[in-house]
Amino acid sequence: MMQGTRLSFKIKVNTSGLDFDVANMTFKVNCPECQAPNTVTLGQVQREETVTCAECNKAIKLVDKNKSVDKAVSSVNDAVDDLKKALEGLGR
């Protein structure tokens, strides 16, 4: 009978798929003038940029009311960083 056999192994986790910034995610906003869809990034909203409508060339001022987009982008990016650190710490 074998006594107290211990097995040890290391886990290697590839976290390269977690290298992204939520601010680069795109979505559509309709031009308030002509209703044409325009693609913008969360980062552009975060920075409250002015973009030009692809259809009617009117300026569209992006507004981050109450800084909600800024807070959400920061929160998600922090959570992804924490997850990545936790996964990289496995097997150490």
PDB file of N, CA and C in Angstrom:
ATOM      1  N   MET A   1       0.831  -1.165   0.000  1.00  0.00           N
ATOM      2  CA  MET A   1       0.000   0.000   0.000  1.00  0.00           C
ATOM      3  C   MET A   1       0.889   1.247   0.000  1.00  0.00           C
ATOM      4  N   MET A   2       0.584   2.241  -0.905  1.00  0.00           N
ATOM      5  CA  MET A   2       1.369   3.475  -1.007  1.00  0.00           C
ATOM      6  C   MET A   2       0.842   4.478   0.004  1.00  0.00           C
ATOM      7  N   GLN A   3       1.784   5.181   0.586  1.00  0.00           N
ATOM      8  CA  GLN A   3       1.391   6.172   1.572  1.00  0.00           C
ATOM      9  C   GLN A   3       1.492   7.577   0.996  1.00  0.00           C
ATOM     10  N   GLY A   4       0.474   8.395   1.149  1.00  0.00           N
ATOM     11  CA  GLY A   4       0.469   9.818   0.850  1.00  0.00           C
ATOM     12  C   GLY A   4       1.193  10.243  -0.414  1.00  0.00           C
ATOM     13  N   THR A   5       0.884   9.658  -1.548  1.00  0.00           N
ATOM     14  CA  THR A   5       1.496  10.082  -2.800  1.00  0.00           C
ATOM     15  C   THR A   5       0.992  11.471  -3.150  1.00  0.00           C
ATOM     16  N   ARG A   6       1.938  12.381  -3.465  1.00  0.00           N
ATOM     17  CA  ARG A   6       1.558  13.750  -3.813  1.00  0.00           C
ATOM     18  C   ARG A   6       1.875  14.008  -5.270  1.00  0.00           C
ATOM     19  N   LEU A   7       0.930  14.581  -5.933  1.00  0.00           N
ATOM     20  CA  LEU A   7       1.123  14.983  -7.315  1.00  0.00           C
ATOM     21  C   LEU A   7       1.206  16.499  -7.371  1.00  0.00           C
ATOM     22  N   SER A   8       2.079  16.975  -8.221  1.00  0.00           N
ATOM     23  CA  SER A   8       2.220  18.412  -8.387  1.00  0.00           C
ATOM     24  C   SER A   8       2.222  18.725  -9.875  1.00  0.00           C
ATOM     25  N   PHE A   9       1.563  19.787 -10.256  1.00  0.00           N
ATOM     26  CA  PHE A   9       1.560  20.189 -11.653  1.00  0.00           C
ATOM     27  C   PHE A   9       1.400  21.693 -11.733  1.00  0.00           C
ATOM     28  N   LYS A  10       1.835  22.248 -12.830  1.00  0.00           N
ATOM     29  CA  LYS A  10       1.701  23.676 -13.068  1.00  0.00           C
ATOM     30  C   LYS A  10       0.650  23.906 -14.133  1.00  0.00           C
ATOM     31  N   ILE A  11      -0.111  24.946 -13.947  1.00  0.00           N
ATOM     32  CA  ILE A  11      -1.110  25.334 -14.926  1.00  0.00           C
ATOM     33  C   ILE A  11      -0.593  26.569 -15.640  1.00  0.00           C
ATOM     34  N   LYS A  12      -0.569  26.513 -16.954  1.00  0.00           N
ATOM     35  CA  LYS A  12      -0.177  27.682 -17.727  1.00  0.00           C
ATOM     36  C   LYS A  12      -1.424  28.185 -18.451  1.00  0.00           C
ATOM     37  N   VAL A  13      -1.738  29.440 -18.225  1.00  0.00           N
ATOM     38  CA  VAL A  13      -2.936  30.034 -18.802  1.00  0.00           C
ATOM     39  C   VAL A  13      -2.519  31.092 -19.813  1.00  0.00           C
ATOM     40  N   ASN A  14      -3.066  30.990 -21.009  1.00  0.00           N
ATOM     41  CA  ASN A  14      -2.809  31.984 -22.047  1.00  0.00           C
ATOM     42  C   ASN A  14      -3.864  33.082 -21.912  1.00  0.00           C
ATOM     43  N   THR A  15      -3.414  34.282 -21.535  1.00  0.00           N
ATOM     44  CA  THR A  15      -4.343  35.392 -21.331  1.00  0.00           C
ATOM     45  C   THR A  15      -4.263  36.420 -22.456  1.00  0.00           C
ATOM     46  N   SER A  16      -3.643  36.041 -23.566  1.00  0.00           N
ATOM     47  CA  SER A  16      -3.485  37.013 -24.655  1.00  0.00           C
ATOM     48  C   SER A  16      -4.820  37.477 -25.222  1.00  0.00           C
ATOM     49  N   GLY A  17      -5.846  36.664 -25.117  1.00  0.00           N
ATOM     50  CA  GLY A  17      -7.165  37.063 -25.601  1.00  0.00           C
ATOM     51  C   GLY A  17      -7.812  38.138 -24.738  1.00  0.00           C
ATOM     52  N   LEU A  18      -7.228  38.425 -23.576  1.00  0.00           N
ATOM     53  CA  LEU A  18      -7.764  39.445 -22.689  1.00  0.00           C
ATOM     54  C   LEU A  18      -7.079  40.795 -22.880  1.00  0.00           C
ATOM     55  N   ASP A  19      -6.249  40.906 -23.923  1.00  0.00           N
ATOM     56  CA  ASP A  19      -5.562  42.161 -24.204  1.00  0.00           C
ATOM     57  C   ASP A  19      -6.430  43.030 -25.104  1.00  0.00           C
ATOM     58  N   PHE A  20      -7.362  43.726 -24.503  1.00  0.00           N
ATOM     59  CA  PHE A  20      -8.217  44.620 -25.273  1.00  0.00           C
ATOM     60  C   PHE A  20      -8.649  45.776 -24.383  1.00  0.00           C
ATOM     61  N   ASP A  21      -9.090  46.830 -25.020  1.00  0.00           N
ATOM     62  CA  ASP A  21      -9.570  48.004 -24.311  1.00  0.00           C
ATOM     63  C   ASP A  21     -11.021  48.217 -24.716  1.00  0.00           C
ATOM     64  N   VAL A  22     -11.895  48.214 -23.760  1.00  0.00           N
ATOM     65  CA  VAL A  22     -13.319  48.375 -24.020  1.00  0.00           C
ATOM     66  C   VAL A  22     -13.591  49.685 -24.757  1.00  0.00           C
ATOM     67  N   ALA A  23     -12.747  50.680 -24.571  1.00  0.00           N
ATOM     68  CA  ALA A  23     -12.938  51.982 -25.229  1.00  0.00           C
ATOM     69  C   ALA A  23     -12.889  51.866 -26.751  1.00  0.00           C
ATOM     70  N   ASN A  24     -12.323  50.780 -27.269  1.00  0.00           N
ATOM     71  CA  ASN A  24     -12.244  50.584 -28.722  1.00  0.00           C
ATOM     72  C   ASN A  24     -13.487  49.916 -29.306  1.00  0.00           C
ATOM     73  N   MET A  25     -14.414  49.534 -28.465  1.00  0.00           N
ATOM     74  CA  MET A  25     -15.642  48.898 -28.960  1.00  0.00           C
ATOM     75  C   MET A  25     -16.474  49.937 -29.715  1.00  0.00           C
ATOM     76  N   THR A  26     -17.078  49.500 -30.810  1.00  0.00           N
ATOM     77  CA  THR A  26     -17.865  50.418 -31.634  1.00  0.00           C
ATOM     78  C   THR A  26     -19.359  50.146 -31.513  1.00  0.00           C
ATOM     79  N   PHE A  27     -20.120  51.161 -31.788  1.00  0.00           N
ATOM     80  CA  PHE A  27     -21.569  51.038 -31.853  1.00  0.00           C
ATOM     81  C   PHE A  27     -22.099  52.151 -32.749  1.00  0.00           C
ATOM     82  N   LYS A  28     -23.363  52.088 -33.063  1.00  0.00           N
ATOM     83  CA  LYS A  28     -23.978  53.052 -33.982  1.00  0.00           C
ATOM     84  C   LYS A  28     -24.752  54.120 -33.209  1.00  0.00           C
ATOM     85  N   VAL A  29     -24.616  55.355 -33.675  1.00  0.00           N
ATOM     86  CA  VAL A  29     -25.460  56.447 -33.185  1.00  0.00           C
ATOM     87  C   VAL A  29     -26.121  57.080 -34.397  1.00  0.00           C
ATOM     88  N   ASN A  30     -27.369  57.387 -34.257  1.00  0.00           N
ATOM     89  CA  ASN A  30     -28.092  58.029 -35.357  1.00  0.00           C
ATOM     90  C   ASN A  30     -27.853  59.529 -35.325  1.00  0.00           C
ATOM     91  N   CYS A  31     -27.634  60.094 -36.485  1.00  0.00           N
ATOM     92  CA  CYS A  31     -27.474  61.535 -36.621  1.00  0.00           C
ATOM     93  C   CYS A  31     -28.772  62.211 -36.181  1.00  0.00           C
ATOM     94  N   PRO A  32     -28.686  63.202 -35.329  1.00  0.00           N
ATOM     95  CA  PRO A  32     -29.918  63.884 -34.909  1.00  0.00           C
ATOM     96  C   PRO A  32     -30.561  64.678 -36.051  1.00  0.00           C
ATOM     97  N   GLU A  33     -29.807  64.967 -37.093  1.00  0.00           N
ATOM     98  CA  GLU A  33     -30.321  65.733 -38.225  1.00  0.00           C
ATOM     99  C   GLU A  33     -31.015  64.845 -39.256  1.00  0.00           C
ATOM    100  N   CYS A  34     -30.296  63.809 -39.740  1.00  0.00           N
ATOM    101  CA  CYS A  34     -30.831  62.988 -40.848  1.00  0.00           C
ATOM    102  C   CYS A  34     -31.137  61.542 -40.448  1.00  0.00           C
ATOM    103  N   GLN A  35     -30.841  61.179 -39.211  1.00  0.00           N
ATOM    104  CA  GLN A  35     -31.081  59.837 -38.660  1.00  0.00           C
ATOM    105  C   GLN A  35     -30.187  58.747 -39.250  1.00  0.00           C
ATOM    106  N   ALA A  36     -29.179  59.117 -40.040  1.00  0.00           N
ATOM    107  CA  ALA A  36     -28.259  58.117 -40.597  1.00  0.00           C
ATOM    108  C   ALA A  36     -27.418  57.516 -39.470  1.00  0.00           C
ATOM    109  N   PRO A  37     -27.182  56.195 -39.526  1.00  0.00           N
ATOM    110  CA  PRO A  37     -26.338  55.570 -38.508  1.00  0.00           C
ATOM    111  C   PRO A  37     -24.859  55.915 -38.731  1.00  0.00           C
ATOM    112  N   ASN A  38     -24.162  56.226 -37.649  1.00  0.00           N
ATOM    113  CA  ASN A  38     -22.740  56.536 -37.690  1.00  0.00           C
ATOM    114  C   ASN A  38     -22.033  55.678 -36.651  1.00  0.00           C
ATOM    115  N   THR A  39     -20.894  55.116 -37.014  1.00  0.00           N
ATOM    116  CA  THR A  39     -20.138  54.264 -36.109  1.00  0.00           C
ATOM    117  C   THR A  39     -19.193  55.118 -35.271  1.00  0.00           C
ATOM    118  N   VAL A  40     -19.267  54.937 -33.962  1.00  0.00           N
ATOM    119  CA  VAL A  40     -18.366  55.626 -33.037  1.00  0.00           C
ATOM    120  C   VAL A  40     -17.850  54.612 -32.024  1.00  0.00           C
ATOM    121  N   THR A  41     -16.776  54.966 -31.337  1.00  0.00           N
ATOM    122  CA  THR A  41     -16.240  54.101 -30.282  1.00  0.00           C
ATOM    123  C   THR A  41     -16.668  54.634 -28.921  1.00  0.00           C
ATOM    124  N   LEU A  42     -16.618  53.757 -27.940  1.00  0.00           N
ATOM    125  CA  LEU A  42     -16.883  54.200 -26.576  1.00  0.00           C
ATOM    126  C   LEU A  42     -15.862  55.249 -26.154  1.00  0.00           C
ATOM    127  N   GLY A  43     -14.630  55.110 -26.637  1.00  0.00           N
ATOM    128  CA  GLY A  43     -13.584  56.082 -26.323  1.00  0.00           C
ATOM    129  C   GLY A  43     -13.923  57.471 -26.844  1.00  0.00           C
ATOM    130  N   GLN A  44     -14.530  57.539 -28.027  1.00  0.00           N
ATOM    131  CA  GLN A  44     -14.924  58.836 -28.567  1.00  0.00           C
ATOM    132  C   GLN A  44     -15.997  59.484 -27.685  1.00  0.00           C
ATOM    133  N   VAL A  45     -16.919  58.681 -27.186  1.00  0.00           N
ATOM    134  CA  VAL A  45     -17.933  59.205 -26.275  1.00  0.00           C
ATOM    135  C   VAL A  45     -17.266  59.624 -24.969  1.00  0.00           C
ATOM    136  N   GLN A  46     -16.363  58.801 -24.485  1.00  0.00           N
ATOM    137  CA  GLN A  46     -15.634  59.082 -23.246  1.00  0.00           C
ATOM    138  C   GLN A  46     -14.926  60.441 -23.337  1.00  0.00           C
ATOM    139  N   ARG A  47     -14.347  60.732 -24.482  1.00  0.00           N
ATOM    140  CA  ARG A  47     -13.627  62.001 -24.705  1.00  0.00           C
ATOM    141  C   ARG A  47     -14.542  63.121 -25.176  1.00  0.00           C
ATOM    142  N   GLU A  48     -15.825  62.806 -25.331  1.00  0.00           N
ATOM    143  CA  GLU A  48     -16.843  63.750 -25.789  1.00  0.00           C
ATOM    144  C   GLU A  48     -16.431  64.448 -27.083  1.00  0.00           C
ATOM    145  N   GLU A  49     -16.015  63.638 -28.046  1.00  0.00           N
ATOM    146  CA  GLU A  49     -15.585  64.164 -29.332  1.00  0.00           C
ATOM    147  C   GLU A  49     -16.775  64.630 -30.170  1.00  0.00           C
ATOM    148  N   THR A  50     -16.465  65.408 -31.171  1.00  0.00           N
ATOM    149  CA  THR A  50     -17.440  65.779 -32.182  1.00  0.00           C
ATOM    150  C   THR A  50     -17.093  65.000 -33.438  1.00  0.00           C
ATOM    151  N   VAL A  51     -18.071  64.267 -33.972  1.00  0.00           N
ATOM    152  CA  VAL A  51     -17.863  63.486 -35.189  1.00  0.00           C
ATOM    153  C   VAL A  51     -18.743  64.077 -36.293  1.00  0.00           C
ATOM    154  N   THR A  52     -18.391  63.781 -37.514  1.00  0.00           N
ATOM    155  CA  THR A  52     -19.148  64.270 -38.664  1.00  0.00           C
ATOM    156  C   THR A  52     -20.016  63.155 -39.216  1.00  0.00           C
ATOM    157  N   CYS A  53     -21.273  63.462 -39.419  1.00  0.00           N
ATOM    158  CA  CYS A  53     -22.203  62.481 -39.974  1.00  0.00           C
ATOM    159  C   CYS A  53     -21.716  62.055 -41.355  1.00  0.00           C
ATOM    160  N   ALA A  54     -21.681  60.762 -41.576  1.00  0.00           N
ATOM    161  CA  ALA A  54     -21.220  60.214 -42.858  1.00  0.00           C
ATOM    162  C   ALA A  54     -22.202  60.519 -43.989  1.00  0.00           C
ATOM    163  N   GLU A  55     -23.427  60.843 -43.646  1.00  0.00           N
ATOM    164  CA  GLU A  55     -24.463  61.065 -44.662  1.00  0.00           C
ATOM    165  C   GLU A  55     -24.658  62.551 -44.984  1.00  0.00           C
ATOM    166  N   CYS A  56     -24.908  63.370 -43.957  1.00  0.00           N
ATOM    167  CA  CYS A  56     -25.242  64.782 -44.202  1.00  0.00           C
ATOM    168  C   CYS A  56     -24.131  65.761 -43.830  1.00  0.00           C
ATOM    169  N   ASN A  57     -23.017  65.227 -43.308  1.00  0.00           N
ATOM    170  CA  ASN A  57     -21.844  66.027 -42.925  1.00  0.00           C
ATOM    171  C   ASN A  57     -22.081  67.013 -41.788  1.00  0.00           C
ATOM    172  N   LYS A  58     -23.134  66.835 -41.024  1.00  0.00           N
ATOM    173  CA  LYS A  58     -23.376  67.687 -39.858  1.00  0.00           C
ATOM    174  C   LYS A  58     -22.517  67.202 -38.702  1.00  0.00           C
ATOM    175  N   ALA A  59     -22.149  68.131 -37.833  1.00  0.00           N
ATOM    176  CA  ALA A  59     -21.368  67.795 -36.645  1.00  0.00           C
ATOM    177  C   ALA A  59     -22.286  67.147 -35.607  1.00  0.00           C
ATOM    178  N   ILE A  60     -21.797  66.058 -35.019  1.00  0.00           N
ATOM    179  CA  ILE A  60     -22.522  65.367 -33.951  1.00  0.00           C
ATOM    180  C   ILE A  60     -21.639  65.426 -32.711  1.00  0.00           C
ATOM    181  N   LYS A  61     -22.078  66.155 -31.698  1.00  0.00           N
ATOM    182  CA  LYS A  61     -21.332  66.265 -30.443  1.00  0.00           C
ATOM    183  C   LYS A  61     -21.713  65.089 -29.550  1.00  0.00           C
ATOM    184  N   LEU A  62     -20.731  64.251 -29.232  1.00  0.00           N
ATOM    185  CA  LEU A  62     -20.963  63.103 -28.358  1.00  0.00           C
ATOM    186  C   LEU A  62     -20.850  63.570 -26.912  1.00  0.00           C
ATOM    187  N   VAL A  63     -21.831  63.232 -26.100  1.00  0.00           N
ATOM    188  CA  VAL A  63     -21.872  63.685 -24.713  1.00  0.00           C
ATOM    189  C   VAL A  63     -21.914  62.475 -23.784  1.00  0.00           C
ATOM    190  N   ASP A  64     -21.008  62.454 -22.821  1.00  0.00           N
ATOM    191  CA  ASP A  64     -20.973  61.404 -21.803  1.00  0.00           C
ATOM    192  C   ASP A  64     -21.665  61.952 -20.553  1.00  0.00           C
ATOM    193  N   LYS A  65     -22.988  61.879 -20.572  1.00  0.00           N
ATOM    194  CA  LYS A  65     -23.771  62.432 -19.471  1.00  0.00           C
ATOM    195  C   LYS A  65     -23.388  61.766 -18.157  1.00  0.00           C
ATOM    196  N   ASN A  66     -23.099  62.568 -17.172  1.00  0.00           N
ATOM    197  CA  ASN A  66     -22.707  62.109 -15.825  1.00  0.00           C
ATOM    198  C   ASN A  66     -21.449  61.241 -15.835  1.00  0.00           C
ATOM    199  N   LYS A  67     -20.689  61.307 -16.936  1.00  0.00           N
ATOM    200  CA  LYS A  67     -19.454  60.507 -17.071  1.00  0.00           C
ATOM    201  C   LYS A  67     -19.725  59.013 -16.918  1.00  0.00           C
ATOM    202  N   SER A  68     -20.918  58.571 -17.288  1.00  0.00           N
ATOM    203  CA  SER A  68     -21.290  57.164 -17.119  1.00  0.00           C
ATOM    204  C   SER A  68     -20.485  56.247 -18.032  1.00  0.00           C
ATOM    205  N   VAL A  69     -20.196  56.676 -19.262  1.00  0.00           N
ATOM    206  CA  VAL A  69     -19.393  55.847 -20.174  1.00  0.00           C
ATOM    207  C   VAL A  69     -17.960  55.756 -19.645  1.00  0.00           C
ATOM    208  N   ASP A  70     -17.420  56.875 -19.193  1.00  0.00           N
ATOM    209  CA  ASP A  70     -16.061  56.888 -18.648  1.00  0.00           C
ATOM    210  C   ASP A  70     -15.944  55.929 -17.465  1.00  0.00           C
ATOM    211  N   LYS A  71     -16.911  55.989 -16.568  1.00  0.00           N
ATOM    212  CA  LYS A  71     -16.903  55.106 -15.389  1.00  0.00           C
ATOM    213  C   LYS A  71     -17.031  53.642 -15.797  1.00  0.00           C
ATOM    214  N   ALA A  72     -17.918  53.359 -16.742  1.00  0.00           N
ATOM    215  CA  ALA A  72     -18.130  51.976 -17.180  1.00  0.00           C
ATOM    216  C   ALA A  72     -16.893  51.416 -17.878  1.00  0.00           C
ATOM    217  N   VAL A  73     -16.283  52.196 -18.777  1.00  0.00           N
ATOM    218  CA  VAL A  73     -15.081  51.744 -19.482  1.00  0.00           C
ATOM    219  C   VAL A  73     -13.965  51.463 -18.481  1.00  0.00           C
ATOM    220  N   SER A  74     -13.756  52.374 -17.543  1.00  0.00           N
ATOM    221  CA  SER A  74     -12.712  52.183 -16.533  1.00  0.00           C
ATOM    222  C   SER A  74     -12.988  50.956 -15.678  1.00  0.00           C
ATOM    223  N   SER A  75     -14.237  50.779 -15.280  1.00  0.00           N
ATOM    224  CA  SER A  75     -14.615  49.653 -14.439  1.00  0.00           C
ATOM    225  C   SER A  75     -14.404  48.318 -15.157  1.00  0.00           C
ATOM    226  N   VAL A  76     -14.831  48.231 -16.410  1.00  0.00           N
ATOM    227  CA  VAL A  76     -14.663  46.985 -17.168  1.00  0.00           C
ATOM    228  C   VAL A  76     -13.184  46.707 -17.419  1.00  0.00           C
ATOM    229  N   ASN A  77     -12.419  47.725 -17.811  1.00  0.00           N
ATOM    230  CA  ASN A  77     -10.988  47.518 -18.042  1.00  0.00           C
ATOM    231  C   ASN A  77     -10.275  47.083 -16.764  1.00  0.00           C
ATOM    232  N   ASP A  78     -10.639  47.663 -15.613  1.00  0.00           N
ATOM    233  CA  ASP A  78     -10.042  47.246 -14.338  1.00  0.00           C
ATOM    234  C   ASP A  78     -10.396  45.796 -14.021  1.00  0.00           C
ATOM    235  N   ALA A  79     -11.645  45.408 -14.264  1.00  0.00           N
ATOM    236  CA  ALA A  79     -12.070  44.034 -13.993  1.00  0.00           C
ATOM    237  C   ALA A  79     -11.337  43.040 -14.889  1.00  0.00           C
ATOM    238  N   VAL A  80     -11.136  43.399 -16.161  1.00  0.00           N
ATOM    239  CA  VAL A  80     -10.400  42.526 -17.084  1.00  0.00           C
ATOM    240  C   VAL A  80      -8.950  42.397 -16.625  1.00  0.00           C
ATOM    241  N   ASP A  81      -8.343  43.503 -16.194  1.00  0.00           N
ATOM    242  CA  ASP A  81      -6.971  43.450 -15.677  1.00  0.00           C
ATOM    243  C   ASP A  81      -6.874  42.549 -14.450  1.00  0.00           C
ATOM    244  N   ASP A  82      -7.844  42.666 -13.541  1.00  0.00           N
ATOM    245  CA  ASP A  82      -7.859  41.814 -12.345  1.00  0.00           C
ATOM    246  C   ASP A  82      -8.008  40.343 -12.718  1.00  0.00           C
ATOM    247  N   LEU A  83      -8.887  40.048 -13.678  1.00  0.00           N
ATOM    248  CA  LEU A  83      -9.078  38.673 -14.129  1.00  0.00           C
ATOM    249  C   LEU A  83      -7.794  38.128 -14.740  1.00  0.00           C
ATOM    250  N   LYS A  84      -7.156  38.929 -15.557  1.00  0.00           N
ATOM    251  CA  LYS A  84      -5.908  38.509 -16.202  1.00  0.00           C
ATOM    252  C   LYS A  84      -4.842  38.193 -15.157  1.00  0.00           C
ATOM    253  N   LYS A  85      -4.689  39.060 -14.157  1.00  0.00           N
ATOM    254  CA  LYS A  85      -3.711  38.823 -13.087  1.00  0.00           C
ATOM    255  C   LYS A  85      -4.026  37.542 -12.318  1.00  0.00           C
ATOM    256  N   ALA A  86      -5.314  37.331 -12.036  1.00  0.00           N
ATOM    257  CA  ALA A  86      -5.715  36.128 -11.302  1.00  0.00           C
ATOM    258  C   ALA A  86      -5.415  34.876 -12.107  1.00  0.00           C
ATOM    259  N   LEU A  87      -5.702  34.913 -13.410  1.00  0.00           N
ATOM    260  CA  LEU A  87      -5.437  33.742 -14.255  1.00  0.00           C
ATOM    261  C   LEU A  87      -3.941  33.482 -14.402  1.00  0.00           C
ATOM    262  N   GLU A  88      -3.165  34.554 -14.517  1.00  0.00           N
ATOM    263  CA  GLU A  88      -1.711  34.389 -14.646  1.00  0.00           C
ATOM    264  C   GLU A  88      -1.107  33.846 -13.353  1.00  0.00           C
ATOM    265  N   GLY A  89      -1.780  34.089 -12.217  1.00  0.00           N
ATOM    266  CA  GLY A  89      -1.279  33.614 -10.933  1.00  0.00           C
ATOM    267  C   GLY A  89      -1.572  32.144 -10.667  1.00  0.00           C
ATOM    268  N   LEU A  90      -2.401  31.525 -11.492  1.00  0.00           N
ATOM    269  CA  LEU A  90      -2.701  30.102 -11.303  1.00  0.00           C
ATOM    270  C   LEU A  90      -1.445  29.253 -11.474  1.00  0.00           C
ATOM    271  N   GLY A  91      -1.291  28.309 -10.631  1.00  0.00           N
ATOM    272  CA  GLY A  91      -0.190  27.362 -10.783  1.00  0.00           C
ATOM    273  C   GLY A  91       1.136  27.861 -10.235  1.00  0.00           C
ATOM    274  N   ARG A  92       1.132  29.015  -9.631  1.00  0.00           N
ATOM    275  CA  ARG A  92       2.399  29.527  -9.049  1.00  0.00           C
ATOM    276  C   ARG A  92       2.577  29.029  -7.661  1.00  0.00           C
TER     277      ARG A  92
END
